[in-house]
C-alpha atoms as a PDB file:
ATOM      1  CA  UNK A   1      83.318 -26.883  83.264  1.00  0.00           C
ATOM      2  CA  UNK A   2      80.959 -29.839  83.752  1.00  0.00           C
ATOM      3  CA  UNK A   3      77.979 -29.713  86.141  1.00  0.00           C
ATOM      4  CA  UNK A   4      75.422 -32.312  87.188  1.00  0.00           C
ATOM      5  CA  UNK A   5      71.759 -31.295  87.419  1.00  0.00           C
ATOM      6  CA  UNK A   6      69.977 -32.928  90.372  1.00  0.00           C
ATOM      7  CA  UNK A   7      66.564 -31.209  90.348  1.00  0.00           C
ATOM      8  CA  UNK A   8      64.443 -28.771  88.361  1.00  0.00           C
ATOM      9  CA  UNK A   9      61.950 -26.007  89.112  1.00  0.00           C
ATOM     10  CA  UNK A  10      59.041 -25.682  86.693  1.00  0.00           C
ATOM     11  CA  UNK A  11      56.312 -23.124  85.994  1.00  0.00           C
ATOM     12  CA  UNK A  12      53.567 -25.645  86.760  1.00  0.00           C
ATOM     13  CA  UNK A  13      53.316 -28.542  89.206  1.00  0.00           C
ATOM     14  CA  UNK A  14      52.769 -30.979  86.346  1.00  0.00           C
ATOM     15  CA  UNK A  15      54.847 -29.713  83.416  1.00  0.00           C
ATOM     16  CA  UNK A  16      54.214 -31.147  79.980  1.00  0.00           C
ATOM     17  CA  UNK A  17      57.430 -30.102  78.275  1.00  0.00           C
ATOM     18  CA  UNK A  18      60.986 -29.048  79.053  1.00  0.00           C
ATOM     19  CA  UNK A  19      60.250 -25.453  78.037  1.00  0.00           C
ATOM     20  CA  UNK A  20      58.410 -25.140  81.386  1.00  0.00           C
ATOM     21  CA  UNK A  21      61.680 -25.526  83.336  1.00  0.00           C
ATOM     22  CA  UNK A  22      62.611 -22.203  84.940  1.00  0.00           C
ATOM     23  CA  UNK A  23      65.632 -23.196  87.086  1.00  0.00           C
ATOM     24  CA  UNK A  24      67.999 -26.081  87.806  1.00  0.00           C
ATOM     25  CA  UNK A  25      69.638 -27.252  91.033  1.00  0.00           C
ATOM     26  CA  UNK A  26      73.207 -28.512  90.713  1.00  0.00           C
ATOM     27  CA  UNK A  27      75.118 -31.146  92.674  1.00  0.00           C
ATOM     28  CA  UNK A  28      77.044 -28.443  94.563  1.00  0.00           C
ATOM     29  CA  UNK A  29      73.724 -27.035  95.874  1.00  0.00           C
ATOM     30  CA  UNK A  30      73.741 -23.950  93.679  1.00  0.00           C
ATOM     31  CA  UNK A  31      70.746 -22.904  91.577  1.00  0.00           C
ATOM     32  CA  UNK A  32      70.860 -21.480  88.060  1.00  0.00           C
ATOM     33  CA  UNK A  33      68.039 -20.027  86.011  1.00  0.00           C
ATOM     34  CA  UNK A  34      67.134 -21.536  82.684  1.00  0.00           C
ATOM     35  CA  UNK A  35      68.485 -18.410  80.988  1.00  0.00           C
ATOM     36  CA  UNK A  36      71.836 -18.760  82.756  1.00  0.00           C
ATOM     37  CA  UNK A  37      72.120 -22.407  81.700  1.00  0.00           C
ATOM     38  CA  UNK A  38      71.184 -21.639  78.083  1.00  0.00           C
ATOM     39  CA  UNK A  39      73.775 -18.842  77.946  1.00  0.00           C
ATOM     40  CA  UNK A  40      76.468 -21.024  79.511  1.00  0.00           C
ATOM     41  CA  UNK A  41      75.840 -23.944  77.125  1.00  0.00           C
ATOM     42  CA  UNK A  42      75.581 -21.765  74.020  1.00  0.00           C
ATOM     43  CA  UNK A  43      78.845 -20.001  74.837  1.00  0.00           C
ATOM     44  CA  UNK A  44      80.708 -23.250  75.502  1.00  0.00           C
ATOM     45  CA  UNK A  45      81.342 -22.352  79.141  1.00  0.00           C
ATOM     46  CA  UNK A  46      79.574 -25.307  80.755  1.00  0.00           C
ATOM     47  CA  UNK A  47      78.350 -28.806  79.905  1.00  0.00           C
ATOM     48  CA  UNK A  48      75.450 -30.088  82.004  1.00  0.00           C
ATOM     49  CA  UNK A  49      74.327 -33.670  82.508  1.00  0.00           C
ATOM     50  CA  UNK A  50      71.881 -35.802  84.488  1.00  0.00           C
ATOM     51  CA  UNK A  51      72.225 -39.363  85.768  1.00  0.00           C
ATOM     52  CA  UNK A  52      69.872 -42.184  86.656  1.00  0.00           C
ATOM     53  CA  UNK A  53      70.377 -45.935  87.051  1.00  0.00           C
ATOM     54  CA  UNK A  54      73.884 -45.932  85.541  1.00  0.00           C
ATOM     55  CA  UNK A  55      72.729 -43.791  82.620  1.00  0.00           C
ATOM     56  CA  UNK A  56      74.085 -40.347  81.748  1.00  0.00           C
ATOM     57  CA  UNK A  57      72.258 -37.811  79.592  1.00  0.00           C
ATOM     58  CA  UNK A  58      73.895 -34.663  78.287  1.00  0.00           C
ATOM     59  CA  UNK A  59      71.878 -31.448  78.280  1.00  0.00           C
ATOM     60  CA  UNK A  60      71.595 -29.174  75.258  1.00  0.00           C
ATOM     61  CA  UNK A  61      69.713 -26.037  74.310  1.00  0.00           C
ATOM     62  CA  UNK A  62      66.728 -25.720  72.006  1.00  0.00           C
ATOM     63  CA  UNK A  63      66.049 -22.514  70.088  1.00  0.00           C
ATOM     64  CA  UNK A  64      62.504 -22.801  68.715  1.00  0.00           C
ATOM     65  CA  UNK A  65      60.956 -20.468  66.201  1.00  0.00           C
ATOM     66  CA  UNK A  66      59.318 -17.309  67.448  1.00  0.00           C
ATOM     67  CA  UNK A  67      57.744 -16.403  69.810  1.00  0.00           C
ATOM     68  CA  UNK A  68      59.153 -18.990  72.226  1.00  0.00           C
ATOM     69  CA  UNK A  69      62.348 -18.520  74.186  1.00  0.00           C
ATOM     70  CA  UNK A  70      65.231 -20.998  74.216  1.00  0.00           C
ATOM     71  CA  UNK A  71      65.157 -23.811  76.755  1.00  0.00           C
ATOM     72  CA  UNK A  72      67.196 -26.833  77.841  1.00  0.00           C
ATOM     73  CA  UNK A  73      66.552 -30.547  77.429  1.00  0.00           C
ATOM     74  CA  UNK A  74      68.418 -33.805  77.713  1.00  0.00           C
ATOM     75  CA  UNK A  75      69.801 -35.380  74.569  1.00  0.00           C
ATOM     76  CA  UNK A  76      67.844 -38.518  73.627  1.00  0.00           C
ATOM     77  CA  UNK A  77      69.238 -41.843  74.786  1.00  0.00           C
ATOM     78  CA  UNK A  78      67.962 -45.338  75.605  1.00  0.00           C
ATOM     79  CA  UNK A  79      66.006 -44.325  78.739  1.00  0.00           C
ATOM     80  CA  UNK A  80      63.697 -41.583  79.976  1.00  0.00           C
ATOM     81  CA  UNK A  81      64.696 -41.954  83.644  1.00  0.00           C
ATOM     82  CA  UNK A  82      67.504 -39.407  83.220  1.00  0.00           C
ATOM     83  CA  UNK A  83      65.366 -36.792  81.462  1.00  0.00           C
ATOM     84  CA  UNK A  84      65.107 -33.377  83.086  1.00  0.00           C
ATOM     85  CA  UNK A  85      61.391 -33.763  83.805  1.00  0.00           C
ATOM     86  CA  UNK A  86      62.082 -37.092  85.539  1.00  0.00           C
ATOM     87  CA  UNK A  87      64.264 -35.330  88.119  1.00  0.00           C
ATOM     88  CA  UNK A  88      62.946 -34.225  91.530  1.00  0.00           C
ATOM     89  CA  UNK A  89      61.447 -30.738  91.902  1.00  0.00           C
ATOM     90  CA  UNK A  90      62.750 -28.082  94.255  1.00  0.00           C
END
């Protein structure tokens, strides 16, 4: 399954990094937690992406060393306009 992310919810009003994302809003209006998205990506159930100005960025998981928990981020490409933290908040 492939899903487009349209907006993100973060811990803080001005997040500094993708690990502060706590939930995502999808193009069908549904909301998933960060943990749900990480699980779905890691198990090959879902591929997520963002778009901006004719650019598409795939989303992947990051599993940092302890004590941090896994999080999601966009794969690097030629623009930052499609990065998760560039999306609207909800």
